[in-house]
Amino acid sequence: MFVLALATGILISLSTPLTYLCLAWKTRQAETAALTHQIAREAQEIIISNSDNLEYTVLQLNNLVARYQQKPDIKHIRITTHRITSEAALTTTPPSLFDTVQRADINVRGTTPGYVEITATLASTIMSTTLLLGIFLGLALLTNMLLYCLPVSIVDENSTILRNMSDKLKRTADELSHVKSILEQTALLDCKTGLYNASQCIKRLDEEMNRILRYGGAVTLLILDIDHFRIYNDLHGHIQGDEALVTLAMLLKTQIRSNDLAGRFDGEKFFVVLPDLEKNQAVTTADRLRASIAIHPFPNVEQLPGGKLTASIGMSIYAGGSLTSQQFIEQADQALAQAKNSGRNKVVIYQASAMTTLP
């Protein structure tokens, strides 16, 4: 009886924190990878926008590095191109076993002039897991020590108590399993809007593109950006701005099918992945999303240009070929830029020869 209880306690004490560690480690790596791709996209925009002014480009990249260096657990950020290196670090020591290093290429007009590299520490995850392991192991040892000190006759007479303890252990294991499920779900979602986060959107996009290569079909990507959102934030504060983001997320959910995916890419930019739609159907869906936002009565929009909160949408369709997911995203992003430049509150469809703007 004692050996069985001891083995059960030690097994639970070890398996639960180690499961938590694996999950937390994987989640942290995914978050760092998503942040690396985000910085690479911002660096790309800086390089393209200031291609003729090297000094200003260096200044902008240094500011970009300094801004993201403030995030918790970031040890080192490096942006390297053929002519420029911008980096910042909280420490000069090389990466340890408790660090994750993520790297993303900077793509400029089909070329790769440089890359972004981030080193993030997982020390806090290790420390919390070690503390959790110590607590569980201590409780297991204490429980079994108390059982060992009792006379065998008393243990036999109180078998009901042991059964109750076994039931409690089972309930504890069930609760920990529930916590694990919550952690897994949290790793997939954007905490502010409840939509899928950027890394999950890119993962789903890769899956759809691989499926099309094997079985055929098409997938449509919409990148949606709220027009004049910074002005709205400056006028009414970030709390009301966050409420507008949540409202827009709800509008997206109500306007798409159950097998479509809506996610928040970053800031006021959103992803919508529409698998297995004809071009006309995808265009109709995109324009319906745009119209539903334009007619929604967001509060305090009178001072915005046009007197309402609207969104511009860039649209790209993949039906097979050698295109990567990053290139697919860049196509939709180019269409989005065209929608912004042509007056906003529009849907622009990417085409290799010329963009098509919906009226």
Protein backbone atom coordinates (compact mmCIF):
# COMPACT_ATOMS: atom_id res chain seq x y z
CA MET A 1 0.00 0.00 0.00
CA PHE A 2 2.79 2.42 0.94
CA VAL A 3 4.85 1.61 -2.16
CA LEU A 4 1.82 2.08 -4.43
CA ALA A 5 0.92 5.42 -2.83
CA LEU A 6 4.54 6.60 -3.04
CA ALA A 7 4.84 5.62 -6.69
CA THR A 8 1.54 7.33 -7.53
CA GLY A 9 2.54 10.53 -5.75
CA ILE A 10 5.95 10.72 -7.40
CA LEU A 11 4.50 9.98 -10.84
CA ILE A 12 1.95 12.79 -10.53
CA SER A 13 4.57 15.12 -9.04
CA LEU A 14 6.90 14.62 -11.99
CA SER A 15 4.50 14.32 -14.92
CA THR A 16 2.40 17.40 -14.23
CA PRO A 17 5.22 20.03 -14.03
CA LEU A 18 7.08 18.42 -16.95
CA THR A 19 3.91 18.55 -19.08
CA TYR A 20 3.51 22.20 -18.14
CA LEU A 21 7.18 22.86 -19.01
CA CYS A 22 6.87 21.30 -22.48
CA LEU A 23 3.71 23.26 -23.21
CA ALA A 24 5.13 26.57 -21.92
CA TRP A 25 8.39 26.02 -23.82
CA LYS A 26 6.55 25.37 -27.09
CA THR A 27 4.27 28.36 -26.56
CA ARG A 28 7.20 30.70 -25.85
CA GLN A 29 9.01 29.53 -28.98
CA ALA A 30 5.89 30.14 -31.08
CA GLU A 31 5.46 33.63 -29.62
CA THR A 32 9.13 34.48 -30.28
CA ALA A 33 8.88 33.20 -33.88
CA ALA A 34 5.76 35.33 -34.48
CA LEU A 35 7.52 38.40 -33.01
CA THR A 36 10.55 37.77 -35.25
CA HIS A 37 8.37 37.69 -38.38
CA GLN A 38 6.56 40.83 -37.23
CA ILE A 39 9.85 42.76 -36.80
CA ALA A 40 11.06 41.45 -40.18
CA ARG A 41 7.93 42.87 -41.84
CA GLU A 42 8.41 46.25 -40.14
CA ALA A 43 12.09 46.30 -41.11
CA GLN A 44 11.07 45.53 -44.70
CA GLU A 45 8.72 48.52 -44.73
CA ILE A 46 11.47 50.80 -43.36
CA ILE A 47 14.02 49.64 -45.94
CA ILE A 48 11.56 50.04 -48.84
CA SER A 49 10.32 53.45 -47.64
CA ASN A 50 13.84 54.89 -47.12
CA SER A 51 15.88 53.11 -49.79
CA ASP A 52 17.61 56.35 -50.82
CA ASN A 53 18.48 57.57 -47.32
CA LEU A 54 20.87 55.19 -45.55
CA GLU A 55 21.32 57.33 -42.43
CA TYR A 56 17.58 57.63 -41.86
CA THR A 57 17.13 53.91 -42.50
CA VAL A 58 19.76 53.14 -39.83
CA LEU A 59 18.00 55.48 -37.39
CA GLN A 60 14.61 53.90 -38.05
CA LEU A 61 15.97 50.35 -37.66
CA ASN A 62 17.70 51.31 -34.40
CA ASN A 63 14.43 52.75 -33.11
CA LEU A 64 12.64 49.54 -34.14
CA VAL A 65 15.19 47.42 -32.26
CA ALA A 66 15.00 49.65 -29.17
CA ARG A 67 11.19 49.47 -29.11
CA TYR A 68 10.98 45.70 -29.20
CA GLN A 69 13.97 45.27 -26.86
CA GLN A 70 11.69 46.45 -24.03
CA LYS A 71 9.55 43.30 -24.23
CA PRO A 72 9.96 40.88 -21.28
CA ASP A 73 12.49 38.06 -21.59
CA ILE A 74 14.07 39.44 -24.80
CA LYS A 75 17.84 39.16 -24.42
CA HIS A 76 19.03 40.18 -27.85
CA ILE A 77 17.65 41.57 -31.12
CA ARG A 78 19.71 41.88 -34.29
CA ILE A 79 18.65 43.32 -37.68
CA THR A 80 21.27 42.71 -40.35
CA THR A 81 21.24 43.73 -44.02
CA HIS A 82 23.97 43.95 -46.63
CA ARG A 83 24.82 47.47 -45.44
CA ILE A 84 23.35 47.85 -41.97
CA THR A 85 23.45 46.07 -38.62
CA SER A 86 21.17 47.22 -35.79
CA GLU A 87 21.12 45.32 -32.53
CA ALA A 88 20.48 45.61 -28.81
CA ALA A 89 21.01 43.19 -25.94
CA LEU A 90 20.37 43.01 -22.21
CA THR A 91 23.43 40.79 -21.91
CA THR A 92 26.46 40.01 -24.05
CA THR A 93 26.66 36.32 -23.11
CA PRO A 94 26.00 33.75 -25.84
CA PRO A 95 22.66 31.84 -25.90
CA SER A 96 22.32 29.20 -23.19
CA LEU A 97 20.29 25.99 -22.98
CA PHE A 98 17.43 28.04 -21.54
CA ASP A 99 17.28 30.44 -24.52
CA THR A 100 15.41 30.17 -27.80
CA VAL A 101 16.83 31.77 -30.93
CA GLN A 102 14.47 32.61 -33.78
CA ARG A 103 15.40 34.04 -37.16
CA ALA A 104 13.34 35.45 -40.06
CA ASP A 105 14.45 36.71 -43.45
CA ILE A 106 13.67 40.25 -44.63
CA ASN A 107 12.11 40.06 -48.09
CA VAL A 108 12.28 43.14 -50.33
CA ARG A 109 10.82 42.83 -53.82
CA GLY A 110 11.62 39.14 -54.14
CA THR A 111 15.14 39.40 -52.68
CA THR A 112 16.48 38.70 -49.19
CA PRO A 113 18.82 41.55 -48.24
CA GLY A 114 19.06 40.57 -44.59
CA TYR A 115 17.43 38.94 -41.60
CA VAL A 116 16.09 39.51 -38.08
CA GLU A 117 17.35 37.39 -35.18
CA ILE A 118 15.89 37.33 -31.66
CA THR A 119 17.23 35.57 -28.58
CA ALA A 120 14.63 35.13 -25.83
CA THR A 121 15.25 33.60 -22.42
CA LEU A 122 13.10 30.81 -21.05
CA ALA A 123 14.55 31.15 -17.56
CA SER A 124 11.27 32.32 -16.04
CA THR A 125 9.51 29.26 -17.47
CA ILE A 126 12.20 26.97 -16.04
CA MET A 127 12.02 28.65 -12.62
CA SER A 128 8.21 28.41 -12.43
CA THR A 129 8.34 24.75 -13.47
CA THR A 130 11.04 23.99 -10.89
CA LEU A 131 8.96 25.66 -8.18
CA LEU A 132 5.88 23.70 -9.25
CA LEU A 133 7.88 20.47 -9.28
CA GLY A 134 9.21 21.15 -5.78
CA ILE A 135 5.73 21.85 -4.41
CA PHE A 136 4.22 18.69 -5.90
CA LEU A 137 7.17 16.53 -4.87
CA GLY A 138 7.11 17.94 -1.34
CA LEU A 139 3.40 17.27 -1.00
CA ALA A 140 3.84 13.72 -2.29
CA LEU A 141 6.69 12.97 0.09
CA LEU A 142 4.87 14.55 3.03
CA THR A 143 1.72 12.55 2.30
CA ASN A 144 3.60 9.28 2.03
CA MET A 145 5.71 10.04 5.10
CA LEU A 146 2.57 10.51 7.16
CA LEU A 147 1.16 7.24 5.83
CA TYR A 148 4.42 5.44 6.60
CA CYS A 149 4.42 6.68 10.19
CA LEU A 150 0.96 5.29 10.88
CA PRO A 151 0.70 1.75 12.27
CA VAL A 152 -0.39 -0.82 9.73
CA SER A 153 -3.49 -1.61 11.73
CA ILE A 154 -4.65 2.02 11.63
CA VAL A 155 -4.04 2.17 7.86
CA ASP A 156 -6.15 -0.95 7.38
CA GLU A 157 -8.93 0.44 9.54
CA ASN A 158 -8.93 3.72 7.63
CA SER A 159 -8.92 2.40 4.08
CA THR A 160 -11.84 4.72 3.39
CA ILE A 161 -9.55 7.70 4.01
CA LEU A 162 -7.07 6.33 1.49
CA ARG A 163 -9.79 5.92 -1.07
CA ASN A 164 -10.84 9.51 -0.46
CA MET A 165 -7.26 10.66 -0.96
CA SER A 166 -7.09 8.69 -4.20
CA ASP A 167 -10.27 10.39 -5.37
CA LYS A 168 -8.79 13.79 -4.53
CA LEU A 169 -5.64 12.95 -6.48
CA LYS A 170 -7.78 11.97 -9.45
CA ARG A 171 -9.74 15.23 -9.23
CA THR A 172 -6.46 17.13 -9.01
CA ALA A 173 -5.20 15.37 -12.12
CA ASP A 174 -8.45 16.24 -13.91
CA GLU A 175 -8.11 19.89 -12.89
CA LEU A 176 -4.52 19.98 -14.11
CA SER A 177 -5.63 18.46 -17.41
CA HIS A 178 -8.23 21.22 -17.67
CA VAL A 179 -5.56 23.85 -16.98
CA LYS A 180 -3.40 22.27 -19.70
CA SER A 181 -6.28 22.55 -22.17
CA ILE A 182 -6.74 26.22 -21.27
CA LEU A 183 -3.02 26.89 -21.76
CA GLU A 184 -3.09 25.17 -25.16
CA GLN A 185 -6.09 27.24 -26.22
CA THR A 186 -4.47 30.46 -24.95
CA ALA A 187 -1.39 29.77 -27.08
CA LEU A 188 -3.60 29.86 -30.21
CA LEU A 189 -5.66 32.99 -29.52
CA ASP A 190 -5.14 36.73 -29.42
CA CYS A 191 -5.93 37.69 -25.82
CA LYS A 192 -7.56 41.01 -26.74
CA THR A 193 -10.03 39.98 -29.47
CA GLY A 194 -10.39 36.21 -28.99
CA LEU A 195 -9.47 35.63 -32.65
CA TYR A 196 -6.59 33.40 -33.70
CA ASN A 197 -3.14 34.99 -33.34
CA ALA A 198 -0.64 35.64 -36.12
CA SER A 199 1.33 32.40 -35.76
CA GLN A 200 -1.85 30.31 -35.91
CA CYS A 201 -3.07 32.23 -38.98
CA ILE A 202 0.20 31.55 -40.81
CA LYS A 203 0.09 27.88 -39.77
CA ARG A 204 -3.47 27.51 -41.12
CA LEU A 205 -2.45 29.28 -44.33
CA ASP A 206 0.45 26.82 -44.81
CA GLU A 207 -1.92 23.89 -44.26
CA GLU A 208 -4.40 25.18 -46.84
CA MET A 209 -1.67 25.83 -49.42
CA ASN A 210 -0.24 22.32 -48.93
CA ARG A 211 -3.74 20.83 -49.28
CA ILE A 212 -4.25 22.68 -52.57
CA LEU A 213 -0.92 21.39 -53.91
CA ARG A 214 -2.08 17.81 -53.20
CA TYR A 215 -5.78 17.92 -54.06
CA GLY A 216 -6.36 21.13 -56.03
CA GLY A 217 -8.78 23.96 -55.31
CA ALA A 218 -8.13 27.51 -54.14
CA VAL A 219 -7.78 29.55 -50.96
CA THR A 220 -8.37 33.29 -50.58
CA LEU A 221 -6.46 35.49 -48.14
CA LEU A 222 -7.87 38.82 -46.95
CA ILE A 223 -5.73 41.29 -45.01
CA LEU A 224 -7.92 43.95 -43.42
CA ASP A 225 -6.66 47.21 -41.90
CA ILE A 226 -8.79 49.75 -40.03
CA ASP A 227 -8.65 53.19 -41.68
CA HIS A 228 -7.45 56.13 -39.55
CA PHE A 229 -7.32 53.93 -36.44
CA ARG A 230 -4.41 55.87 -34.95
CA ILE A 231 -6.44 59.06 -35.18
CA TYR A 232 -9.32 57.27 -33.43
CA ASN A 233 -6.95 56.13 -30.65
CA ASP A 234 -5.45 59.60 -30.26
CA LEU A 235 -8.89 61.22 -30.01
CA HIS A 236 -10.57 58.76 -27.64
CA GLY A 237 -7.83 56.73 -25.93
CA HIS A 238 -6.66 53.13 -26.17
CA ILE A 239 -9.51 51.74 -24.06
CA GLN A 240 -12.13 52.81 -26.59
CA GLY A 241 -9.75 51.77 -29.37
CA ASP A 242 -9.56 48.27 -27.87
CA GLU A 243 -13.36 48.16 -27.67
CA ALA A 244 -13.50 48.98 -31.39
CA LEU A 245 -11.07 46.11 -32.12
CA VAL A 246 -13.27 43.69 -30.14
CA THR A 247 -16.39 44.90 -31.98
CA LEU A 248 -14.68 44.47 -35.35
CA ALA A 249 -13.62 40.93 -34.37
CA MET A 250 -17.25 40.09 -33.60
CA LEU A 251 -18.32 41.48 -36.99
CA LEU A 252 -15.76 39.28 -38.74
CA LYS A 253 -17.00 36.16 -36.92
CA THR A 254 -20.60 36.81 -37.92
CA GLN A 255 -19.79 37.40 -41.61
CA ILE A 256 -17.72 34.27 -42.37
CA ARG A 257 -18.42 30.52 -42.53
CA SER A 258 -17.61 28.04 -39.78
CA ASN A 259 -14.69 26.57 -41.76
CA ASP A 260 -13.17 30.01 -42.48
CA LEU A 261 -10.55 31.50 -40.16
CA ALA A 262 -10.38 35.03 -38.79
CA GLY A 263 -7.34 36.23 -36.86
CA ARG A 264 -5.59 39.34 -35.63
CA PHE A 265 -2.25 39.80 -37.36
CA ASP A 266 -0.92 42.80 -35.41
CA GLY A 267 -2.22 46.18 -34.23
CA GLU A 268 -5.28 47.08 -36.28
CA LYS A 269 -4.52 44.54 -39.03
CA PHE A 270 -6.59 41.34 -39.36
CA PHE A 271 -6.37 38.08 -41.35
CA VAL A 272 -9.26 36.20 -42.97
CA VAL A 273 -8.59 32.83 -44.65
CA LEU A 274 -11.36 31.63 -46.99
CA PRO A 275 -10.81 28.07 -48.31
CA ASP A 276 -12.70 26.55 -51.27
CA LEU A 277 -14.42 29.66 -52.61
CA GLU A 278 -14.83 30.72 -56.23
CA LYS A 279 -13.35 34.13 -57.04
CA ASN A 280 -16.78 35.80 -57.28
CA GLN A 281 -17.84 34.32 -53.95
CA ALA A 282 -14.60 35.49 -52.31
CA VAL A 283 -15.05 39.00 -53.73
CA THR A 284 -18.62 39.08 -52.42
CA THR A 285 -17.46 37.98 -48.95
CA ALA A 286 -14.68 40.60 -48.87
CA ASP A 287 -17.01 43.42 -49.89
CA ARG A 288 -19.63 42.25 -47.37
CA LEU A 289 -17.02 42.46 -44.61
CA ARG A 290 -16.02 45.95 -45.74
CA ALA A 291 -19.63 47.13 -45.88
CA SER A 292 -20.57 45.65 -42.48
CA ILE A 293 -17.76 47.64 -40.85
CA ALA A 294 -18.61 50.85 -42.70
CA ILE A 295 -22.28 50.79 -41.61
CA HIS A 296 -21.67 49.71 -38.01
CA PRO A 297 -22.39 52.52 -35.51
CA PHE A 298 -19.00 52.76 -33.80
CA PRO A 299 -19.11 55.47 -31.11
CA ASN A 300 -17.45 58.89 -31.43
CA VAL A 301 -16.46 58.66 -35.09
CA GLU A 302 -17.73 62.09 -36.12
CA GLN A 303 -14.23 63.63 -36.14
CA LEU A 304 -12.75 60.92 -38.38
CA PRO A 305 -12.33 61.57 -42.13
CA GLY A 306 -15.66 60.66 -43.67
CA GLY A 307 -17.37 60.64 -40.28
CA LYS A 308 -17.19 56.88 -39.81
CA LEU A 309 -14.81 54.02 -39.02
CA THR A 310 -14.01 51.98 -42.13
CA ALA A 311 -11.55 49.31 -43.26
CA SER A 312 -9.45 48.69 -46.37
CA ILE A 313 -8.99 45.11 -47.59
CA GLY A 314 -6.26 43.53 -49.70
CA MET A 315 -7.19 40.24 -51.35
CA SER A 316 -5.08 37.51 -52.95
CA ILE A 317 -6.05 34.06 -54.30
CA TYR A 318 -3.80 30.97 -54.35
CA ALA A 319 -4.69 28.08 -56.66
CA GLY A 320 -1.38 26.18 -56.67
CA GLY A 321 2.22 26.83 -57.73
CA SER A 322 5.57 27.50 -56.10
CA LEU A 323 4.39 30.45 -54.01
CA THR A 324 5.34 30.40 -50.31
CA SER A 325 2.97 31.52 -47.57
CA GLN A 326 5.16 34.59 -46.95
CA GLN A 327 4.94 35.58 -50.63
CA PHE A 328 1.18 34.95 -50.57
CA ILE A 329 0.87 37.29 -47.57
CA GLU A 330 3.01 39.92 -49.35
CA GLN A 331 0.66 39.83 -52.35
CA ALA A 332 -2.37 40.55 -50.15
CA ASP A 333 -0.34 43.22 -48.34
CA GLN A 334 0.47 44.94 -51.65
CA ALA A 335 -3.22 44.91 -52.53
CA LEU A 336 -3.99 46.40 -49.10
CA ALA A 337 -1.49 49.20 -49.70
CA GLN A 338 -3.21 49.94 -53.02
CA ALA A 339 -6.59 50.05 -51.25
CA LYS A 340 -5.17 52.55 -48.75
CA ASN A 341 -3.57 54.70 -51.45
CA SER A 342 -6.68 54.77 -53.64
CA GLY A 343 -8.90 56.36 -50.99
CA ARG A 344 -9.49 53.67 -48.30
CA ASN A 345 -12.71 51.76 -47.53
CA LYS A 346 -12.06 49.62 -50.62
CA VAL A 347 -11.30 46.03 -51.58
CA VAL A 348 -8.34 45.57 -53.95
CA ILE A 349 -7.61 42.19 -55.59
CA TYR A 350 -3.96 41.34 -56.24
CA GLN A 351 -3.06 40.49 -59.82
CA ALA A 352 0.43 40.00 -61.23
CA SER A 353 -0.19 42.49 -64.04
CA ALA A 354 -2.35 45.08 -62.29
CA MET A 355 -4.48 45.50 -59.18
CA THR A 356 -8.27 45.29 -59.46
CA THR A 357 -10.12 47.74 -57.20
CA LEU A 358 -13.74 47.13 -56.28
CA PRO A 359 -15.85 50.30 -56.41
